[in-house]
Amino acid sequence: MDLRSFLSIAAAAAFFCVGCGGKVVIDRESPDDPPDLTPPPCGRDPLAEPAPDDALGLLRYGFAAKWRGMAKTPPGWVPYDEYPVEITFDALGRYEAKCLFENCAAFYYGTSSPVPEQTYEIFGILVDGSGFGPIRISFAGTSGSVESGGLSDIRVSEDLAHLTFLFSPSWTSNDHVEPIKYDLRCAPE
């Protein structure tokens, strides 16, 4: 096969496989009008703050707030490699989450509509000080199922204004799926 034939075949394959693999770009807000990533007020009840020596209680208290920031997907995930989110975790183990772009969900999977099945729990803390626990993702509006994923490497800054964690869609039964990374902020009152 000569080079010209090879290039013709490659061009034809590329034409018929637009969007196969690689990154798909979806038209979204104009760069002149990006989503507001100003940290919202955290909204914690100061009377509920645990004792300073209660590490798990402090992590749970710090986690339960209204957050805004970015989610970063593993390489090759589409439509976005990074997208803005707003997530509110309440002290009773429920959450509401939305992507600040159109056509996406804050946890990549599931619904952006608030539903009672959206719950989380922080089970414990590892030796390195990071927390972990399950999160339930609702597919209300599509299949109607609720799937359990995992939260790990949960870290809240000392001033309780910066949260980072990893989300793994553990229901996919693929141990090789990398987690989505979250980097969120709120403004302490």
N, C-alpha and C. Protein backbone atom coordinates (compact mmCIF):
# COMPACT_ATOMS: atom_id res chain seq x y z
N MET A 1 0.86 -1.17 0.00
CA MET A 1 0.00 0.00 0.00
C MET A 1 0.90 1.23 0.00
N ASP A 2 0.63 2.15 -0.93
CA ASP A 2 1.44 3.36 -0.98
C ASP A 2 0.89 4.40 0.02
N LEU A 3 1.66 5.44 0.24
CA LEU A 3 1.31 6.47 1.22
C LEU A 3 0.00 7.17 0.87
N ARG A 4 -0.24 7.42 -0.40
CA ARG A 4 -1.46 8.11 -0.83
C ARG A 4 -2.69 7.26 -0.49
N SER A 5 -2.65 5.94 -0.74
CA SER A 5 -3.77 5.05 -0.41
C SER A 5 -4.00 5.02 1.10
N PHE A 6 -2.92 4.93 1.85
CA PHE A 6 -3.03 4.90 3.31
C PHE A 6 -3.70 6.18 3.83
N LEU A 7 -3.26 7.35 3.34
CA LEU A 7 -3.84 8.62 3.78
C LEU A 7 -5.31 8.72 3.39
N SER A 8 -5.68 8.21 2.22
CA SER A 8 -7.08 8.23 1.80
C SER A 8 -7.95 7.39 2.73
N ILE A 9 -7.45 6.21 3.09
CA ILE A 9 -8.20 5.33 4.01
C ILE A 9 -8.30 5.98 5.37
N ALA A 10 -7.20 6.57 5.85
CA ALA A 10 -7.21 7.23 7.17
C ALA A 10 -8.19 8.40 7.18
N ALA A 11 -8.21 9.19 6.11
CA ALA A 11 -9.12 10.33 6.04
C ALA A 11 -10.57 9.86 6.02
N ALA A 12 -10.86 8.79 5.28
CA ALA A 12 -12.23 8.26 5.22
C ALA A 12 -12.66 7.74 6.58
N ALA A 13 -11.77 7.05 7.27
CA ALA A 13 -12.09 6.53 8.61
C ALA A 13 -12.35 7.68 9.56
N ALA A 14 -11.53 8.71 9.48
CA ALA A 14 -11.72 9.86 10.37
C ALA A 14 -13.05 10.54 10.08
N PHE A 15 -13.43 10.65 8.80
CA PHE A 15 -14.69 11.29 8.44
C PHE A 15 -15.88 10.53 9.00
N PHE A 16 -15.86 9.20 8.90
CA PHE A 16 -16.98 8.39 9.37
C PHE A 16 -16.97 8.18 10.87
N CYS A 17 -15.89 8.52 11.53
CA CYS A 17 -15.79 8.29 12.97
C CYS A 17 -15.64 9.59 13.74
N VAL A 18 -16.28 10.64 13.27
CA VAL A 18 -16.24 11.89 14.00
C VAL A 18 -16.87 11.64 15.37
N GLY A 19 -16.12 11.94 16.41
CA GLY A 19 -16.61 11.73 17.77
C GLY A 19 -16.24 10.38 18.34
N CYS A 20 -15.66 9.47 17.55
CA CYS A 20 -15.22 8.18 18.10
C CYS A 20 -13.93 8.41 18.85
N GLY A 21 -13.92 8.10 20.12
CA GLY A 21 -12.72 8.30 20.92
C GLY A 21 -12.40 9.78 20.99
N GLY A 22 -11.37 10.11 21.69
CA GLY A 22 -10.98 11.50 21.81
C GLY A 22 -12.03 12.33 22.51
N LYS A 23 -11.86 13.62 22.45
CA LYS A 23 -12.72 14.53 23.18
C LYS A 23 -13.79 15.12 22.26
N VAL A 24 -15.01 15.17 22.72
CA VAL A 24 -16.11 15.78 21.99
C VAL A 24 -16.35 17.15 22.61
N VAL A 25 -16.41 18.17 21.80
CA VAL A 25 -16.64 19.51 22.32
C VAL A 25 -18.11 19.84 22.13
N ILE A 26 -18.77 20.24 23.19
CA ILE A 26 -20.18 20.61 23.14
C ILE A 26 -20.26 22.12 23.34
N ASP A 27 -21.04 22.77 22.51
CA ASP A 27 -21.20 24.21 22.63
C ASP A 27 -21.78 24.52 24.01
N ARG A 28 -21.17 25.44 24.71
CA ARG A 28 -21.62 25.80 26.05
C ARG A 28 -21.53 27.31 26.20
N GLU A 29 -21.66 27.77 27.43
CA GLU A 29 -21.63 29.20 27.68
C GLU A 29 -20.43 29.84 26.99
N SER A 30 -20.60 31.06 26.60
CA SER A 30 -19.52 31.80 25.97
C SER A 30 -18.40 32.03 26.98
N PRO A 31 -17.13 32.00 26.55
CA PRO A 31 -16.04 32.31 27.48
C PRO A 31 -16.19 33.70 28.08
N ASP A 32 -16.95 34.58 27.37
CA ASP A 32 -17.18 35.92 27.90
C ASP A 32 -18.18 35.88 29.06
N ASP A 33 -18.90 34.79 29.22
CA ASP A 33 -19.90 34.67 30.26
C ASP A 33 -19.72 33.34 31.01
N PRO A 34 -18.56 33.16 31.68
CA PRO A 34 -18.31 31.88 32.37
C PRO A 34 -19.21 31.74 33.60
N PRO A 35 -19.39 30.53 34.09
CA PRO A 35 -20.21 30.33 35.29
C PRO A 35 -19.57 31.02 36.49
N ASP A 36 -20.40 31.43 37.41
CA ASP A 36 -19.94 32.11 38.63
C ASP A 36 -19.35 31.07 39.58
N LEU A 37 -18.06 31.13 39.83
CA LEU A 37 -17.41 30.22 40.76
C LEU A 37 -17.10 30.87 42.10
N THR A 38 -17.74 32.01 42.37
CA THR A 38 -17.57 32.66 43.66
C THR A 38 -18.02 31.70 44.75
N PRO A 39 -17.16 31.45 45.75
CA PRO A 39 -17.58 30.53 46.82
C PRO A 39 -18.84 31.03 47.52
N PRO A 40 -19.86 30.18 47.64
CA PRO A 40 -21.08 30.59 48.34
C PRO A 40 -20.85 30.54 49.85
N PRO A 41 -21.72 31.17 50.64
CA PRO A 41 -21.62 31.00 52.09
C PRO A 41 -21.74 29.52 52.45
N CYS A 42 -20.89 29.05 53.36
CA CYS A 42 -20.87 27.63 53.72
C CYS A 42 -22.21 27.17 54.29
N GLY A 43 -22.83 27.99 55.12
CA GLY A 43 -24.15 27.66 55.66
C GLY A 43 -24.15 26.64 56.79
N ARG A 44 -23.05 26.51 57.52
CA ARG A 44 -23.01 25.57 58.64
C ARG A 44 -23.61 26.20 59.90
N ASP A 45 -24.15 25.35 60.76
CA ASP A 45 -24.66 25.80 62.06
C ASP A 45 -23.49 25.82 63.04
N PRO A 46 -23.04 27.00 63.48
CA PRO A 46 -21.89 27.06 64.39
C PRO A 46 -22.13 26.34 65.72
N LEU A 47 -23.39 26.18 66.11
CA LEU A 47 -23.69 25.48 67.36
C LEU A 47 -23.52 23.97 67.25
N ALA A 48 -23.40 23.47 66.01
CA ALA A 48 -23.25 22.03 65.79
C ALA A 48 -21.78 21.61 65.68
N GLU A 49 -20.85 22.58 65.77
CA GLU A 49 -19.44 22.24 65.61
C GLU A 49 -18.99 21.32 66.74
N PRO A 50 -18.33 20.20 66.40
CA PRO A 50 -17.89 19.24 67.41
C PRO A 50 -16.65 19.72 68.17
N ALA A 51 -16.28 18.97 69.17
CA ALA A 51 -15.09 19.27 69.97
C ALA A 51 -13.84 19.18 69.09
N PRO A 52 -12.80 19.96 69.37
CA PRO A 52 -11.59 19.96 68.55
C PRO A 52 -10.87 18.61 68.46
N ASP A 53 -11.07 17.73 69.44
CA ASP A 53 -10.38 16.44 69.41
C ASP A 53 -11.20 15.35 68.71
N ASP A 54 -12.34 15.69 68.14
CA ASP A 54 -13.19 14.75 67.42
C ASP A 54 -12.91 14.88 65.92
N ALA A 55 -11.87 14.17 65.43
CA ALA A 55 -11.44 14.31 64.03
C ALA A 55 -12.54 13.92 63.05
N LEU A 56 -13.22 12.80 63.29
CA LEU A 56 -14.29 12.38 62.38
C LEU A 56 -15.45 13.37 62.42
N GLY A 57 -15.82 13.82 63.61
CA GLY A 57 -16.89 14.82 63.75
C GLY A 57 -16.55 16.11 63.03
N LEU A 58 -15.29 16.56 63.14
CA LEU A 58 -14.87 17.79 62.46
C LEU A 58 -14.90 17.63 60.94
N LEU A 59 -14.50 16.45 60.45
CA LEU A 59 -14.55 16.21 59.01
C LEU A 59 -16.00 16.22 58.52
N ARG A 60 -16.87 15.56 59.24
CA ARG A 60 -18.29 15.55 58.86
C ARG A 60 -18.89 16.95 58.92
N TYR A 61 -18.56 17.68 59.96
CA TYR A 61 -19.07 19.05 60.11
C TYR A 61 -18.56 19.94 58.97
N GLY A 62 -17.26 19.85 58.67
CA GLY A 62 -16.70 20.67 57.60
C GLY A 62 -17.24 20.31 56.23
N PHE A 63 -17.49 19.03 56.00
CA PHE A 63 -17.99 18.53 54.71
C PHE A 63 -19.41 19.03 54.43
N ALA A 64 -20.23 19.10 55.48
CA ALA A 64 -21.64 19.48 55.33
C ALA A 64 -21.75 20.99 55.13
N ALA A 65 -21.75 21.41 53.86
CA ALA A 65 -21.81 22.83 53.52
C ALA A 65 -22.23 22.97 52.06
N LYS A 66 -22.38 24.20 51.63
CA LYS A 66 -22.67 24.48 50.22
C LYS A 66 -21.34 24.85 49.56
N TRP A 67 -21.00 24.14 48.48
CA TRP A 67 -19.70 24.26 47.83
C TRP A 67 -19.85 24.62 46.35
N ARG A 68 -18.84 25.28 45.82
CA ARG A 68 -18.79 25.55 44.39
C ARG A 68 -17.34 25.41 43.94
N GLY A 69 -17.15 24.81 42.76
CA GLY A 69 -15.79 24.64 42.25
C GLY A 69 -15.78 23.79 41.01
N MET A 70 -14.71 23.02 40.85
CA MET A 70 -14.50 22.27 39.62
C MET A 70 -14.41 20.77 39.88
N ALA A 71 -14.93 20.01 38.91
CA ALA A 71 -14.78 18.56 38.87
C ALA A 71 -13.86 18.26 37.69
N LYS A 72 -12.90 17.37 37.90
CA LYS A 72 -11.96 17.01 36.83
C LYS A 72 -12.08 15.52 36.56
N THR A 73 -12.46 15.20 35.32
CA THR A 73 -12.65 13.80 34.92
C THR A 73 -11.31 13.18 34.52
N PRO A 74 -11.23 11.85 34.54
CA PRO A 74 -10.02 11.17 34.06
C PRO A 74 -9.79 11.46 32.57
N PRO A 75 -8.56 11.29 32.12
CA PRO A 75 -8.26 11.55 30.70
C PRO A 75 -9.16 10.76 29.76
N GLY A 76 -9.65 11.45 28.74
CA GLY A 76 -10.46 10.80 27.71
C GLY A 76 -11.96 10.80 27.95
N TRP A 77 -12.40 11.21 29.14
CA TRP A 77 -13.84 11.25 29.39
C TRP A 77 -14.43 12.44 28.65
N VAL A 78 -15.67 12.30 28.19
CA VAL A 78 -16.33 13.36 27.45
C VAL A 78 -17.67 13.67 28.12
N PRO A 79 -18.26 14.82 27.96
CA PRO A 79 -17.89 15.87 27.03
C PRO A 79 -16.87 16.86 27.58
N TYR A 80 -16.61 16.86 28.89
CA TYR A 80 -15.70 17.84 29.47
C TYR A 80 -14.60 17.14 30.25
N ASP A 81 -13.39 17.69 30.17
CA ASP A 81 -12.33 17.17 31.02
C ASP A 81 -12.39 17.85 32.39
N GLU A 82 -13.02 19.01 32.44
CA GLU A 82 -13.21 19.75 33.69
C GLU A 82 -14.53 20.52 33.56
N TYR A 83 -15.31 20.56 34.63
CA TYR A 83 -16.58 21.28 34.56
C TYR A 83 -16.94 21.85 35.94
N PRO A 84 -17.64 23.00 35.97
CA PRO A 84 -17.98 23.65 37.23
C PRO A 84 -19.22 23.00 37.87
N VAL A 85 -19.18 22.89 39.20
CA VAL A 85 -20.28 22.27 39.93
C VAL A 85 -20.64 23.09 41.16
N GLU A 86 -21.86 22.87 41.63
CA GLU A 86 -22.31 23.40 42.92
C GLU A 86 -22.94 22.22 43.65
N ILE A 87 -22.42 21.93 44.84
CA ILE A 87 -22.89 20.78 45.61
C ILE A 87 -23.16 21.22 47.04
N THR A 88 -24.32 20.83 47.54
CA THR A 88 -24.64 21.09 48.94
C THR A 88 -24.82 19.75 49.64
N PHE A 89 -23.96 19.50 50.62
CA PHE A 89 -24.07 18.32 51.47
C PHE A 89 -24.68 18.79 52.78
N ASP A 90 -25.78 18.18 53.24
CA ASP A 90 -26.35 18.63 54.51
C ASP A 90 -25.88 17.71 55.65
N ALA A 91 -26.10 18.15 56.86
CA ALA A 91 -25.63 17.42 58.05
C ALA A 91 -26.40 16.13 58.29
N LEU A 92 -27.52 15.93 57.60
CA LEU A 92 -28.33 14.72 57.77
C LEU A 92 -27.98 13.63 56.75
N GLY A 93 -26.97 13.89 55.90
CA GLY A 93 -26.55 12.88 54.94
C GLY A 93 -27.21 12.94 53.59
N ARG A 94 -27.84 14.07 53.27
CA ARG A 94 -28.43 14.24 51.94
C ARG A 94 -27.59 15.26 51.16
N TYR A 95 -27.78 15.26 49.85
CA TYR A 95 -27.07 16.25 49.05
C TYR A 95 -27.89 16.65 47.84
N GLU A 96 -27.56 17.82 47.31
CA GLU A 96 -28.06 18.31 46.03
C GLU A 96 -26.84 18.72 45.24
N ALA A 97 -26.81 18.36 43.98
CA ALA A 97 -25.64 18.65 43.16
C ALA A 97 -26.05 19.01 41.74
N LYS A 98 -25.40 20.02 41.20
CA LYS A 98 -25.68 20.37 39.80
C LYS A 98 -24.39 20.81 39.12
N CYS A 99 -24.35 20.53 37.84
CA CYS A 99 -23.27 21.00 36.98
C CYS A 99 -23.68 22.39 36.52
N LEU A 100 -22.72 23.30 36.46
CA LEU A 100 -23.03 24.67 36.05
C LEU A 100 -22.93 24.86 34.54
N PHE A 101 -22.65 23.79 33.79
CA PHE A 101 -22.76 23.78 32.34
C PHE A 101 -24.05 23.04 32.00
N GLU A 102 -24.54 23.24 30.79
CA GLU A 102 -25.70 22.48 30.34
C GLU A 102 -25.26 21.07 29.94
N ASN A 103 -26.20 20.15 29.96
CA ASN A 103 -25.97 18.78 29.49
C ASN A 103 -24.90 18.02 30.25
N CYS A 104 -24.83 18.23 31.56
CA CYS A 104 -23.92 17.41 32.36
C CYS A 104 -24.48 17.31 33.77
N ALA A 105 -23.97 16.35 34.53
CA ALA A 105 -24.38 16.15 35.92
C ALA A 105 -23.16 16.32 36.81
N ALA A 106 -23.36 16.83 38.00
CA ALA A 106 -22.24 17.14 38.91
C ALA A 106 -21.37 15.93 39.20
N PHE A 107 -21.99 14.75 39.33
CA PHE A 107 -21.21 13.54 39.58
C PHE A 107 -21.03 12.72 38.30
N TYR A 108 -21.13 13.39 37.15
CA TYR A 108 -20.98 12.82 35.82
C TYR A 108 -22.12 11.89 35.46
N TYR A 109 -22.61 11.15 36.41
CA TYR A 109 -23.72 10.22 36.23
C TYR A 109 -24.93 10.76 36.98
N GLY A 110 -26.10 10.25 36.65
CA GLY A 110 -27.29 10.54 37.44
C GLY A 110 -28.00 11.81 37.04
N THR A 111 -28.86 12.24 37.94
CA THR A 111 -29.71 13.40 37.70
C THR A 111 -29.17 14.63 38.42
N SER A 112 -29.52 15.79 37.90
CA SER A 112 -29.21 17.04 38.58
C SER A 112 -30.39 17.52 39.41
N SER A 113 -31.51 16.83 39.29
CA SER A 113 -32.70 17.19 40.07
C SER A 113 -32.56 16.68 41.50
N PRO A 114 -32.96 17.49 42.48
CA PRO A 114 -32.89 17.00 43.86
C PRO A 114 -33.93 15.91 44.10
N VAL A 115 -33.49 14.76 44.58
CA VAL A 115 -34.39 13.65 44.91
C VAL A 115 -33.96 13.07 46.26
N PRO A 116 -34.91 12.51 47.02
CA PRO A 116 -34.59 12.02 48.37
C PRO A 116 -33.55 10.89 48.40
N GLU A 117 -33.39 10.17 47.30
CA GLU A 117 -32.45 9.05 47.28
C GLU A 117 -30.99 9.49 47.23
N GLN A 118 -30.75 10.77 47.02
CA GLN A 118 -29.37 11.26 46.95
C GLN A 118 -28.84 11.43 48.37
N THR A 119 -28.06 10.45 48.81
CA THR A 119 -27.52 10.47 50.17
C THR A 119 -26.03 10.14 50.15
N TYR A 120 -25.37 10.47 51.25
CA TYR A 120 -23.95 10.16 51.41
C TYR A 120 -23.70 9.87 52.89
N GLU A 121 -22.53 9.32 53.16
CA GLU A 121 -22.12 9.12 54.55
C GLU A 121 -20.60 9.11 54.59
N ILE A 122 -20.05 9.71 55.61
CA ILE A 122 -18.61 9.63 55.83
C ILE A 122 -18.42 8.58 56.92
N PHE A 123 -17.89 7.42 56.53
CA PHE A 123 -17.74 6.27 57.44
C PHE A 123 -16.59 6.44 58.41
N GLY A 124 -15.48 6.97 57.93
CA GLY A 124 -14.32 7.02 58.80
C GLY A 124 -13.18 7.83 58.22
N ILE A 125 -12.07 7.80 58.96
CA ILE A 125 -10.86 8.54 58.57
C ILE A 125 -9.70 7.56 58.53
N LEU A 126 -8.88 7.70 57.52
CA LEU A 126 -7.67 6.88 57.39
C LEU A 126 -6.52 7.51 58.19
N VAL A 127 -5.43 6.81 58.30
CA VAL A 127 -4.26 7.29 59.04
C VAL A 127 -3.77 8.63 58.50
N ASP A 128 -3.89 8.86 57.18
CA ASP A 128 -3.42 10.12 56.59
C ASP A 128 -4.38 11.29 56.84
N GLY A 129 -5.48 11.05 57.54
CA GLY A 129 -6.43 12.11 57.87
C GLY A 129 -7.55 12.30 56.86
N SER A 130 -7.54 11.55 55.76
CA SER A 130 -8.58 11.70 54.76
C SER A 130 -9.77 10.80 55.10
N GLY A 131 -10.96 11.25 54.69
CA GLY A 131 -12.18 10.50 54.96
C GLY A 131 -12.64 9.68 53.77
N PHE A 132 -13.61 8.81 54.03
CA PHE A 132 -14.16 7.96 52.98
C PHE A 132 -15.58 7.55 53.34
N GLY A 133 -16.35 7.15 52.34
CA GLY A 133 -17.70 6.67 52.56
C GLY A 133 -18.46 6.52 51.26
N PRO A 134 -19.69 6.03 51.34
CA PRO A 134 -20.50 5.82 50.14
C PRO A 134 -21.33 7.06 49.77
N ILE A 135 -21.72 7.10 48.50
CA ILE A 135 -22.65 8.12 48.02
C ILE A 135 -23.62 7.42 47.08
N ARG A 136 -24.88 7.80 47.15
CA ARG A 136 -25.90 7.19 46.29
C ARG A 136 -26.25 8.17 45.18
N ILE A 137 -26.14 7.70 43.95
CA ILE A 137 -26.41 8.51 42.77
C ILE A 137 -27.74 8.06 42.18
N SER A 138 -28.66 9.00 42.02
CA SER A 138 -29.99 8.68 41.48
C SER A 138 -30.03 8.92 39.98
N PHE A 139 -30.62 7.97 39.28
CA PHE A 139 -30.84 8.10 37.85
C PHE A 139 -32.32 8.40 37.58
N ALA A 140 -32.94 9.18 38.46
CA ALA A 140 -34.33 9.60 38.27
C ALA A 140 -34.42 10.34 36.94
N GLY A 141 -35.45 10.06 36.19
CA GLY A 141 -35.63 10.69 34.89
C GLY A 141 -35.09 9.85 33.75
N THR A 142 -34.26 8.87 34.06
CA THR A 142 -33.80 7.94 33.01
C THR A 142 -34.22 6.54 33.43
N SER A 143 -33.32 5.77 34.02
CA SER A 143 -33.66 4.39 34.39
C SER A 143 -34.42 4.31 35.71
N GLY A 144 -34.31 5.35 36.54
CA GLY A 144 -34.96 5.34 37.84
C GLY A 144 -34.18 4.61 38.91
N SER A 145 -33.05 4.04 38.55
CA SER A 145 -32.26 3.29 39.53
C SER A 145 -31.46 4.22 40.43
N VAL A 146 -30.99 3.68 41.53
CA VAL A 146 -30.09 4.39 42.44
C VAL A 146 -28.87 3.50 42.61
N GLU A 147 -27.70 4.05 42.34
CA GLU A 147 -26.47 3.28 42.40
C GLU A 147 -25.56 3.84 43.49
N SER A 148 -24.78 2.97 44.12
CA SER A 148 -23.84 3.40 45.16
C SER A 148 -22.45 3.54 44.59
N GLY A 149 -21.89 4.71 44.82
CA GLY A 149 -20.51 4.99 44.43
C GLY A 149 -19.69 5.21 45.69
N GLY A 150 -18.47 5.61 45.51
CA GLY A 150 -17.59 5.81 46.66
C GLY A 150 -16.99 7.20 46.68
N LEU A 151 -16.89 7.75 47.89
CA LEU A 151 -16.15 8.99 48.12
C LEU A 151 -14.87 8.60 48.85
N SER A 152 -13.76 9.17 48.44
CA SER A 152 -12.50 8.87 49.10
C SER A 152 -11.61 10.10 49.09
N ASP A 153 -10.52 10.02 49.83
CA ASP A 153 -9.55 11.11 49.94
C ASP A 153 -10.25 12.43 50.26
N ILE A 154 -11.27 12.37 51.13
CA ILE A 154 -12.02 13.57 51.53
C ILE A 154 -11.14 14.39 52.47
N ARG A 155 -10.91 15.65 52.10
CA ARG A 155 -10.08 16.54 52.92
C ARG A 155 -10.74 17.92 52.98
N VAL A 156 -10.83 18.45 54.20
CA VAL A 156 -11.36 19.79 54.41
C VAL A 156 -10.26 20.60 55.07
N SER A 157 -10.03 21.81 54.57
CA SER A 157 -8.97 22.67 55.12
C SER A 157 -9.28 23.04 56.56
N GLU A 158 -8.26 23.49 57.29
CA GLU A 158 -8.43 23.86 58.70
C GLU A 158 -9.47 24.95 58.89
N ASP A 159 -9.55 25.90 57.94
CA ASP A 159 -10.54 26.98 58.06
C ASP A 159 -11.92 26.56 57.53
N LEU A 160 -12.06 25.29 57.11
CA LEU A 160 -13.31 24.70 56.62
C LEU A 160 -13.84 25.39 55.37
N ALA A 161 -12.95 26.01 54.58
CA ALA A 161 -13.37 26.74 53.38
C ALA A 161 -12.97 26.05 52.08
N HIS A 162 -12.23 24.94 52.16
CA HIS A 162 -11.74 24.26 50.95
C HIS A 162 -11.94 22.76 51.12
N LEU A 163 -12.62 22.15 50.16
CA LEU A 163 -12.90 20.72 50.19
C LEU A 163 -12.36 20.07 48.92
N THR A 164 -11.67 18.95 49.09
CA THR A 164 -11.27 18.13 47.96
C THR A 164 -11.68 16.69 48.25
N PHE A 165 -12.06 15.97 47.21
CA PHE A 165 -12.39 14.55 47.37
C PHE A 165 -12.40 13.89 46.00
N LEU A 166 -12.46 12.55 46.03
CA LEU A 166 -12.56 11.75 44.82
C LEU A 166 -13.89 11.03 44.83
N PHE A 167 -14.50 10.92 43.66
CA PHE A 167 -15.73 10.15 43.49
C PHE A 167 -15.46 9.02 42.52
N SER A 168 -15.82 7.79 42.92
CA SER A 168 -15.66 6.62 42.05
C SER A 168 -17.02 5.99 41.79
N PRO A 169 -17.35 5.76 40.51
CA PRO A 169 -18.61 5.09 40.17
C PRO A 169 -18.45 3.58 40.35
N SER A 170 -18.43 3.12 41.58
CA SER A 170 -18.09 1.73 41.87
C SER A 170 -19.11 0.73 41.32
N TRP A 171 -20.30 1.17 40.95
CA TRP A 171 -21.30 0.24 40.40
C TRP A 171 -20.93 -0.24 39.00
N THR A 172 -19.98 0.42 38.37
CA THR A 172 -19.61 0.03 37.01
C THR A 172 -18.89 -1.31 36.97
N SER A 173 -18.49 -1.83 38.11
CA SER A 173 -17.76 -3.09 38.25
C SER A 173 -16.48 -3.12 37.42
N ASN A 174 -15.95 -1.96 37.14
CA ASN A 174 -14.68 -1.87 36.45
C ASN A 174 -13.68 -1.26 37.43
N ASP A 175 -12.81 -2.09 37.96
CA ASP A 175 -11.84 -1.63 38.95
C ASP A 175 -10.81 -0.67 38.37
N HIS A 176 -10.79 -0.54 37.07
CA HIS A 176 -9.78 0.30 36.43
C HIS A 176 -10.30 1.70 36.09
N VAL A 177 -11.52 2.02 36.49
CA VAL A 177 -12.06 3.36 36.22
C VAL A 177 -11.46 4.33 37.23
N GLU A 178 -10.80 5.36 36.72
CA GLU A 178 -10.21 6.35 37.60
C GLU A 178 -11.31 7.23 38.20
N PRO A 179 -11.08 7.77 39.40
CA PRO A 179 -12.09 8.63 40.03
C PRO A 179 -12.13 10.02 39.43
N ILE A 180 -13.23 10.71 39.68
CA ILE A 180 -13.37 12.12 39.33
C ILE A 180 -12.89 12.91 40.53
N LYS A 181 -12.10 13.96 40.29
CA LYS A 181 -11.52 14.77 41.37
C LYS A 181 -12.32 16.06 41.52
N TYR A 182 -12.62 16.41 42.77
CA TYR A 182 -13.38 17.63 43.07
C TYR A 182 -12.52 18.57 43.89
N ASP A 183 -12.58 19.84 43.52
CA ASP A 183 -11.86 20.90 44.24
C ASP A 183 -12.86 22.04 44.42
N LEU A 184 -13.38 22.16 45.65
CA LEU A 184 -14.52 23.05 45.93
C LEU A 184 -14.19 24.04 47.05
N ARG A 185 -14.91 25.15 47.06
CA ARG A 185 -14.72 26.17 48.09
C ARG A 185 -16.06 26.72 48.57
N CYS A 186 -16.05 27.19 49.81
CA CYS A 186 -17.17 27.93 50.34
C CYS A 186 -16.63 29.08 51.20
N ALA A 187 -17.48 30.04 51.52
CA ALA A 187 -17.07 31.20 52.29
C ALA A 187 -17.63 31.10 53.71
N PRO A 188 -16.74 30.87 54.69
CA PRO A 188 -17.22 30.79 56.08
C PRO A 188 -17.91 32.10 56.49
N GLU A 189 -18.96 31.96 57.26
CA GLU A 189 -19.69 33.16 57.71
C GLU A 189 -18.95 33.80 58.87
